């Protein structure tokens, strides 16, 4: 018995050591809690519940081979780097709008790398553009990325107002992204074999789509989020209990820590005074939220800064554009990088990543200031 317990503890420690972002968040939360004890009520349980349900849906879609089939069946239709590059960038963006930027990149980047090996090319530019696409497109829906889901719930924004805020941002980003894709993707014509569309476990797919619709209704506040959560638990316990083991619970726990960290921070008087001064105008909120995202990532930046400003439009813009820039500005960017460096060297990727992301960041910031 003692040996089994030691093995379990050892497995947990090994798993946690592979999650540096979680460990840093945990340490930061513990440190700030020494100054002010956070309240459990600060955790946005509706956000956690919807993220959990959406993770299950995405796992089911991949288990049914839906996302991979959609991407692979599209690849064979394009014979030039420009056309294929644009197709992959748009596919990544559309998926990010529907299933979050992280999951979209986990689906598309491995396919891009597989395709690159067939053609004998280094796909670093395309992977970078796909990452930018995921961060831009995901901003246009409340459930496209975690920071949107949180801010949408925190400020109780209506669906109509949300889309009116984020559509100009997305249009500006897509126009610049298409231009970059056509300019940067060059090369001779090549053939990519068209794959047959193949779906597995249609019953699970149908049930997953039902849960996905419930998740959207919960985000739009048409139904209570608990209905979405209950339907997800019931359906997956019956049809795919194995997927419950694959959910990234460390990521969910990390989000819970974000809420506790922010609750402690906003209760410290010196921090309150600092941010009250720094976030005194709409322009400052835009710039500061984009800058803070470069250091601590845009999700914790959204959670932290929301407690100090009523200017939610600028905060939406700031943390969305703040996903561009450094590698840690968005968790989605880290995912792409990790997938890429498994197969290729990092040097050329990192150099181009920083150049393209910061160019994109400053162009987007300039456009948003003029809006």
Protein backbone atom coordinates (compact mmCIF):
# COMPACT_ATOMS: atom_id res chain seq x y z
CA UNK A 1 0.00 0.00 0.00
CA UNK A 2 2.78 2.39 0.99
CA UNK A 3 4.62 1.59 -2.23
CA UNK A 4 1.53 2.39 -4.33
CA UNK A 5 1.13 5.74 -2.54
CA UNK A 6 4.81 6.57 -3.21
CA UNK A 7 4.36 5.71 -6.90
CA UNK A 8 1.26 7.94 -7.14
CA UNK A 9 3.08 10.82 -5.42
CA UNK A 10 6.09 10.33 -7.69
CA UNK A 11 3.84 10.41 -10.78
CA UNK A 12 2.16 13.60 -9.59
CA UNK A 13 5.52 15.31 -8.93
CA UNK A 14 6.83 14.22 -12.34
CA UNK A 15 3.70 15.59 -14.03
CA UNK A 16 3.90 18.90 -12.16
CA UNK A 17 7.57 19.37 -13.07
CA UNK A 18 6.47 19.28 -16.71
CA UNK A 19 4.07 22.19 -16.03
CA UNK A 20 6.32 25.20 -15.29
CA UNK A 21 3.57 27.72 -16.00
CA UNK A 22 1.33 26.09 -13.39
CA UNK A 23 4.16 26.02 -10.84
CA UNK A 24 4.97 29.70 -11.38
CA UNK A 25 1.27 30.58 -11.05
CA UNK A 26 0.98 28.50 -7.86
CA UNK A 27 4.07 30.14 -6.35
CA UNK A 28 2.84 33.64 -7.27
CA UNK A 29 -0.60 32.92 -5.76
CA UNK A 30 0.95 31.63 -2.52
CA UNK A 31 3.23 34.69 -2.25
CA UNK A 32 0.49 37.30 -2.75
CA UNK A 33 -1.85 35.38 -0.42
CA UNK A 34 0.63 36.12 2.38
CA UNK A 35 -0.41 39.77 2.08
CA UNK A 36 -4.13 39.19 1.54
CA UNK A 37 -5.99 35.90 1.74
CA UNK A 38 -8.04 35.29 -1.44
CA UNK A 39 -11.71 34.30 -1.37
CA UNK A 40 -12.80 31.03 -2.94
CA UNK A 41 -15.86 32.91 -4.20
CA UNK A 42 -13.51 34.87 -6.50
CA UNK A 43 -13.22 31.82 -8.75
CA UNK A 44 -15.51 32.17 -11.77
CA UNK A 45 -16.96 28.67 -11.67
CA UNK A 46 -19.03 29.24 -14.81
CA UNK A 47 -15.82 29.91 -16.77
CA UNK A 48 -14.15 26.79 -15.36
CA UNK A 49 -17.24 24.67 -16.09
CA UNK A 50 -17.55 25.82 -19.70
CA UNK A 51 -13.82 25.33 -20.31
CA UNK A 52 -14.11 21.79 -18.91
CA UNK A 53 -17.10 20.99 -21.15
CA UNK A 54 -15.36 22.47 -24.18
CA UNK A 55 -12.22 20.45 -23.52
CA UNK A 56 -14.31 17.27 -23.53
CA UNK A 57 -15.96 18.29 -26.81
CA UNK A 58 -12.59 18.98 -28.44
CA UNK A 59 -11.21 15.65 -27.23
CA UNK A 60 -14.26 13.90 -28.68
CA UNK A 61 -13.94 15.73 -32.02
CA UNK A 62 -10.34 14.59 -32.29
CA UNK A 63 -11.21 11.06 -31.16
CA UNK A 64 -13.82 10.94 -33.92
CA UNK A 65 -11.17 12.17 -36.38
CA UNK A 66 -13.36 15.16 -37.29
CA UNK A 67 -10.82 17.98 -37.02
CA UNK A 68 -8.02 16.01 -38.66
CA UNK A 69 -10.31 14.91 -41.50
CA UNK A 70 -11.48 18.48 -42.12
CA UNK A 71 -7.91 19.71 -42.38
CA UNK A 72 -6.52 16.79 -44.39
CA UNK A 73 -9.38 16.82 -46.89
CA UNK A 74 -8.63 20.47 -47.58
CA UNK A 75 -4.87 20.06 -48.09
CA UNK A 76 -5.07 18.24 -51.40
CA UNK A 77 -7.08 21.03 -53.02
CA UNK A 78 -4.15 23.47 -53.13
CA UNK A 79 -1.01 23.17 -55.23
CA UNK A 80 1.01 26.33 -54.48
CA UNK A 81 2.57 27.60 -51.24
CA UNK A 82 0.49 30.79 -51.40
CA UNK A 83 -2.82 28.98 -51.81
CA UNK A 84 -1.98 26.26 -49.33
CA UNK A 85 -0.59 28.77 -46.84
CA UNK A 86 -3.72 30.91 -47.03
CA UNK A 87 -5.94 27.84 -46.68
CA UNK A 88 -4.08 26.61 -43.59
CA UNK A 89 -4.09 30.05 -42.00
CA UNK A 90 -7.84 30.48 -42.58
CA UNK A 91 -8.64 26.94 -41.40
CA UNK A 92 -6.65 27.56 -38.23
CA UNK A 93 -8.51 30.82 -37.61
CA UNK A 94 -11.97 29.37 -38.19
CA UNK A 95 -11.25 26.44 -35.87
CA UNK A 96 -9.92 28.88 -33.25
CA UNK A 97 -13.20 30.80 -33.36
CA UNK A 98 -15.14 27.62 -32.59
CA UNK A 99 -12.91 25.39 -30.44
CA UNK A 100 -10.36 27.85 -28.89
CA UNK A 101 -6.99 28.93 -30.22
CA UNK A 102 -5.06 26.29 -28.24
CA UNK A 103 -7.02 23.33 -29.61
CA UNK A 104 -6.93 24.71 -33.16
CA UNK A 105 -3.13 24.84 -33.08
CA UNK A 106 -2.85 21.40 -31.50
CA UNK A 107 -4.82 20.16 -34.51
CA UNK A 108 -3.31 22.15 -37.39
CA UNK A 109 0.39 22.54 -36.51
CA UNK A 110 1.13 18.76 -36.49
CA UNK A 111 -0.58 18.50 -39.90
CA UNK A 112 1.51 21.40 -41.17
CA UNK A 113 4.70 19.70 -39.97
CA UNK A 114 3.62 16.41 -41.56
CA UNK A 115 2.95 18.20 -44.85
CA UNK A 116 6.33 19.98 -44.66
CA UNK A 117 8.16 16.69 -44.35
CA UNK A 118 6.46 15.45 -47.50
CA UNK A 119 7.46 18.56 -49.46
CA UNK A 120 10.92 18.80 -47.86
CA UNK A 121 10.43 22.35 -46.58
CA UNK A 122 10.85 24.03 -43.21
CA UNK A 123 7.35 25.28 -42.23
CA UNK A 124 8.49 27.87 -39.67
CA UNK A 125 6.85 30.83 -41.44
CA UNK A 126 3.55 29.00 -41.93
CA UNK A 127 3.46 27.79 -38.31
CA UNK A 128 4.07 31.37 -37.11
CA UNK A 129 1.29 32.70 -39.35
CA UNK A 130 -1.06 29.96 -38.13
CA UNK A 131 -0.28 30.98 -34.54
CA UNK A 132 -1.04 34.62 -35.30
CA UNK A 133 -4.23 33.54 -37.06
CA UNK A 134 -5.37 31.53 -34.04
CA UNK A 135 -4.79 34.49 -31.73
CA UNK A 136 -6.57 36.96 -34.05
CA UNK A 137 -9.58 34.86 -35.11
CA UNK A 138 -10.21 33.49 -31.61
CA UNK A 139 -10.83 37.03 -30.38
CA UNK A 140 -14.03 37.35 -32.41
CA UNK A 141 -16.09 34.88 -30.33
CA UNK A 142 -16.69 34.84 -26.55
CA UNK A 143 -15.50 31.22 -26.39
CA UNK A 144 -12.59 31.50 -28.83
CA UNK A 145 -10.05 31.99 -26.05
CA UNK A 146 -10.07 31.89 -22.22
CA UNK A 147 -9.58 35.62 -21.67
CA UNK A 148 -12.63 36.45 -23.79
CA UNK A 149 -14.73 33.92 -21.92
CA UNK A 150 -13.67 35.42 -18.61
CA UNK A 151 -14.13 39.09 -19.57
CA UNK A 152 -17.44 38.38 -21.31
CA UNK A 153 -18.71 36.85 -18.07
CA UNK A 154 -17.04 39.32 -15.68
CA UNK A 155 -18.43 42.46 -17.34
CA UNK A 156 -21.74 40.79 -18.26
CA UNK A 157 -21.41 41.96 -21.86
CA UNK A 158 -24.28 41.14 -24.24
CA UNK A 159 -23.57 39.04 -27.32
CA UNK A 160 -24.49 41.91 -29.65
CA UNK A 161 -22.18 44.37 -27.92
CA UNK A 162 -19.34 41.84 -27.81
CA UNK A 163 -19.43 41.22 -31.56
CA UNK A 164 -19.70 44.95 -32.28
CA UNK A 165 -16.52 45.46 -30.23
CA UNK A 166 -14.46 42.60 -31.60
CA UNK A 167 -15.43 42.52 -35.31
CA UNK A 168 -13.37 45.64 -36.21
CA UNK A 169 -10.39 44.12 -34.39
CA UNK A 170 -10.74 40.86 -36.28
CA UNK A 171 -11.23 42.53 -39.67
CA UNK A 172 -8.10 44.65 -39.20
CA UNK A 173 -6.10 41.60 -38.16
CA UNK A 174 -7.35 39.35 -40.97
CA UNK A 175 -6.57 41.93 -43.67
CA UNK A 176 -2.97 42.32 -42.47
CA UNK A 177 -2.66 38.54 -41.98
CA UNK A 178 -3.77 37.78 -45.56
CA UNK A 179 -1.24 40.32 -46.90
CA UNK A 180 1.57 38.74 -44.87
CA UNK A 181 0.56 35.24 -45.96
CA UNK A 182 0.72 36.12 -49.66
CA UNK A 183 4.01 37.99 -49.27
CA UNK A 184 5.84 35.40 -47.14
CA UNK A 185 4.66 32.08 -48.61
CA UNK A 186 6.70 31.52 -51.76
CA UNK A 187 7.90 28.55 -53.75
CA UNK A 188 7.23 26.27 -56.68
CA UNK A 189 4.06 24.30 -57.24
CA UNK A 190 3.79 20.95 -55.48
CA UNK A 191 1.21 18.24 -55.05
CA UNK A 192 -0.29 17.16 -51.75
CA UNK A 193 -2.28 13.94 -51.86
CA UNK A 194 -5.98 14.51 -51.15
CA UNK A 195 -7.12 12.53 -48.14
CA UNK A 196 -10.50 10.82 -47.89
CA UNK A 197 -12.90 12.33 -45.35
CA UNK A 198 -13.17 9.69 -42.65
CA UNK A 199 -15.25 9.95 -39.46
CA UNK A 200 -15.09 7.48 -36.61
CA UNK A 201 -17.73 6.81 -33.93
CA UNK A 202 -20.60 8.84 -35.38
CA UNK A 203 -22.72 8.32 -32.26
CA UNK A 204 -20.09 10.03 -30.08
CA UNK A 205 -19.71 12.79 -32.66
CA UNK A 206 -23.45 13.49 -32.66
CA UNK A 207 -23.58 13.62 -28.85
CA UNK A 208 -20.49 15.86 -28.75
CA UNK A 209 -22.13 18.31 -31.14
CA UNK A 210 -25.10 18.47 -28.75
CA UNK A 211 -22.77 19.35 -25.87
CA UNK A 212 -20.99 21.88 -28.08
CA UNK A 213 -24.31 23.61 -28.83
CA UNK A 214 -25.14 23.63 -25.10
CA UNK A 215 -21.75 25.22 -24.41
CA UNK A 216 -22.47 27.99 -26.90
CA UNK A 217 -25.93 28.54 -25.35
CA UNK A 218 -24.31 28.72 -21.90
CA UNK A 219 -21.75 31.31 -23.07
CA UNK A 220 -24.53 33.38 -24.65
CA UNK A 221 -26.52 32.99 -21.39
CA UNK A 222 -29.46 31.31 -23.14
CA UNK A 223 -29.20 28.42 -20.66
CA UNK A 224 -27.54 28.09 -17.25
CA UNK A 225 -23.93 26.88 -17.44
CA UNK A 226 -24.80 24.03 -15.04
CA UNK A 227 -27.05 22.52 -17.72
CA UNK A 228 -24.11 22.49 -20.13
CA UNK A 229 -21.85 20.94 -17.49
CA UNK A 230 -24.40 18.28 -16.52
CA UNK A 231 -25.02 17.32 -20.15
CA UNK A 232 -21.27 17.00 -20.77
CA UNK A 233 -20.74 14.79 -17.71
CA UNK A 234 -23.75 12.61 -18.48
CA UNK A 235 -22.96 12.11 -22.19
CA UNK A 236 -19.26 11.43 -21.77
CA UNK A 237 -19.73 9.14 -18.79
CA UNK A 238 -22.06 7.05 -20.96
CA UNK A 239 -20.36 7.19 -24.37
CA UNK A 240 -16.67 7.99 -23.73
CA UNK A 241 -15.63 7.82 -20.05
CA UNK A 242 -11.99 7.41 -21.15
CA UNK A 243 -11.97 11.03 -22.37
CA UNK A 244 -12.60 12.29 -18.83
CA UNK A 245 -9.08 11.09 -17.97
CA UNK A 246 -7.58 13.11 -20.84
CA UNK A 247 -8.91 16.52 -19.77
CA UNK A 248 -6.11 18.95 -18.89
CA UNK A 249 -7.03 19.38 -15.23
CA UNK A 250 -3.75 21.17 -14.56
CA UNK A 251 -4.85 23.91 -16.96
CA UNK A 252 -8.24 24.18 -15.23
CA UNK A 253 -6.49 24.42 -11.86
CA UNK A 254 -4.20 27.10 -13.32
CA UNK A 255 -7.24 29.18 -14.24
CA UNK A 256 -8.61 28.79 -10.72
CA UNK A 257 -5.26 30.07 -9.41
CA UNK A 258 -5.50 33.06 -11.79
CA UNK A 259 -8.74 34.11 -10.09
CA UNK A 260 -7.29 33.67 -6.59
CA UNK A 261 -4.10 35.54 -7.54
CA UNK A 262 -6.09 38.45 -8.97
CA UNK A 263 -8.38 38.56 -5.93
CA UNK A 264 -5.38 38.90 -3.61
CA UNK A 265 -3.68 41.49 -5.82
CA UNK A 266 -6.68 43.80 -6.14
CA UNK A 267 -7.10 43.76 -2.36
CA UNK A 268 -3.58 45.08 -1.66
CA UNK A 269 -3.82 48.85 -1.18
CA UNK A 270 -0.48 49.71 -2.81
CA UNK A 271 -1.41 47.70 -5.90
CA UNK A 272 -4.83 49.36 -5.98
CA UNK A 273 -3.27 52.82 -5.86
CA UNK A 274 -0.77 51.97 -8.61
CA UNK A 275 -3.34 50.57 -11.05
CA UNK A 276 -5.87 53.28 -10.24
CA UNK A 277 -3.30 55.77 -11.52
CA UNK A 278 -1.96 53.70 -14.42
CA UNK A 279 -5.41 52.66 -15.71
CA UNK A 280 -6.95 56.11 -15.47
CA UNK A 281 -7.84 56.42 -19.17
CA UNK A 282 -9.03 54.24 -22.04
CA UNK A 283 -5.73 54.68 -23.88
CA UNK A 284 -3.75 53.59 -20.81
CA UNK A 285 -5.91 50.47 -20.39
CA UNK A 286 -5.21 49.46 -23.99
CA UNK A 287 -1.44 49.99 -23.73
CA UNK A 288 -0.96 48.62 -20.21
CA UNK A 289 -3.02 45.46 -20.81
CA UNK A 290 -1.06 44.74 -24.01
CA UNK A 291 2.24 45.35 -22.16
CA UNK A 292 1.34 43.27 -19.10
CA UNK A 293 0.31 40.41 -21.40
CA UNK A 294 3.87 40.30 -22.75
CA UNK A 295 5.16 39.47 -19.27
CA UNK A 296 2.54 37.28 -17.59
CA UNK A 297 0.44 36.13 -20.61
CA UNK A 298 -2.89 37.60 -21.68
CA UNK A 299 -5.17 35.34 -19.62
CA UNK A 300 -3.80 36.30 -16.18
CA UNK A 301 -3.45 39.89 -17.43
CA UNK A 302 -7.20 39.95 -18.19
CA UNK A 303 -8.08 38.50 -14.78
CA UNK A 304 -5.77 40.87 -12.93
CA UNK A 305 -6.60 44.15 -14.70
CA UNK A 306 -10.36 43.60 -14.85
CA UNK A 307 -10.53 44.40 -11.14
CA UNK A 308 -9.20 47.91 -11.72
CA UNK A 309 -11.00 49.32 -14.75
CA UNK A 310 -14.50 49.82 -16.12
CA UNK A 311 -13.10 50.28 -19.65
CA UNK A 312 -13.80 46.74 -20.82
CA UNK A 313 -13.70 47.55 -24.55
CA UNK A 314 -10.09 48.66 -24.33
CA UNK A 315 -9.28 45.70 -22.06
CA UNK A 316 -10.75 43.30 -24.63
CA UNK A 317 -8.58 44.95 -27.29
CA UNK A 318 -5.47 45.10 -25.10
CA UNK A 319 -5.35 41.46 -24.03
CA UNK A 320 -6.33 40.31 -27.53
CA UNK A 321 -3.55 42.21 -29.26
CA UNK A 322 -1.37 41.39 -26.25
CA UNK A 323 -1.41 37.75 -27.34
CA UNK A 324 1.03 38.85 -30.05
CA UNK A 325 4.64 39.69 -29.21
CA UNK A 326 6.61 37.41 -26.87
CA UNK A 327 6.29 33.63 -26.70
CA UNK A 328 4.62 33.78 -23.29
CA UNK A 329 2.14 36.49 -24.31
CA UNK A 330 -0.27 33.71 -25.30
CA UNK A 331 -0.31 30.07 -24.23
CA UNK A 332 -1.28 29.25 -27.82
CA UNK A 333 2.10 30.60 -28.99
CA UNK A 334 3.91 28.32 -26.55
CA UNK A 335 1.96 25.33 -27.88
CA UNK A 336 3.02 26.05 -31.48
CA UNK A 337 6.64 26.52 -30.45
CA UNK A 338 6.74 23.25 -28.51
CA UNK A 339 5.24 21.34 -31.45
CA UNK A 340 7.65 22.92 -33.94
CA UNK A 341 10.89 22.37 -31.99
CA UNK A 342 10.17 18.64 -31.67
CA UNK A 343 11.00 18.33 -35.38
CA UNK A 344 13.06 21.42 -36.32
CA UNK A 345 15.67 23.73 -34.79
CA UNK A 346 14.39 26.72 -32.85
CA UNK A 347 16.78 29.51 -33.90
CA UNK A 348 15.22 30.54 -37.23
CA UNK A 349 11.71 30.10 -35.83
CA UNK A 350 12.32 32.33 -32.81
CA UNK A 351 13.94 35.11 -34.85
CA UNK A 352 11.06 35.23 -37.35
CA UNK A 353 8.48 34.77 -34.59
CA UNK A 354 9.59 37.86 -32.69
CA UNK A 355 9.93 40.00 -35.82
CA UNK A 356 6.51 39.07 -37.26
CA UNK A 357 4.69 39.15 -33.93
CA UNK A 358 6.00 42.54 -32.86
CA UNK A 359 5.38 44.03 -36.31
CA UNK A 360 1.84 42.65 -36.12
CA UNK A 361 1.47 43.90 -32.53
CA UNK A 362 2.44 47.48 -33.38
CA UNK A 363 0.33 47.55 -36.56
CA UNK A 364 -2.70 46.30 -34.62
CA UNK A 365 -2.12 48.74 -31.76
CA UNK A 366 -1.82 51.61 -34.23
CA UNK A 367 -5.05 50.57 -35.92
CA UNK A 368 -6.90 50.23 -32.60
CA UNK A 369 -5.74 53.65 -31.41
CA UNK A 370 -7.22 55.16 -34.57
CA UNK A 371 -10.54 53.28 -34.20
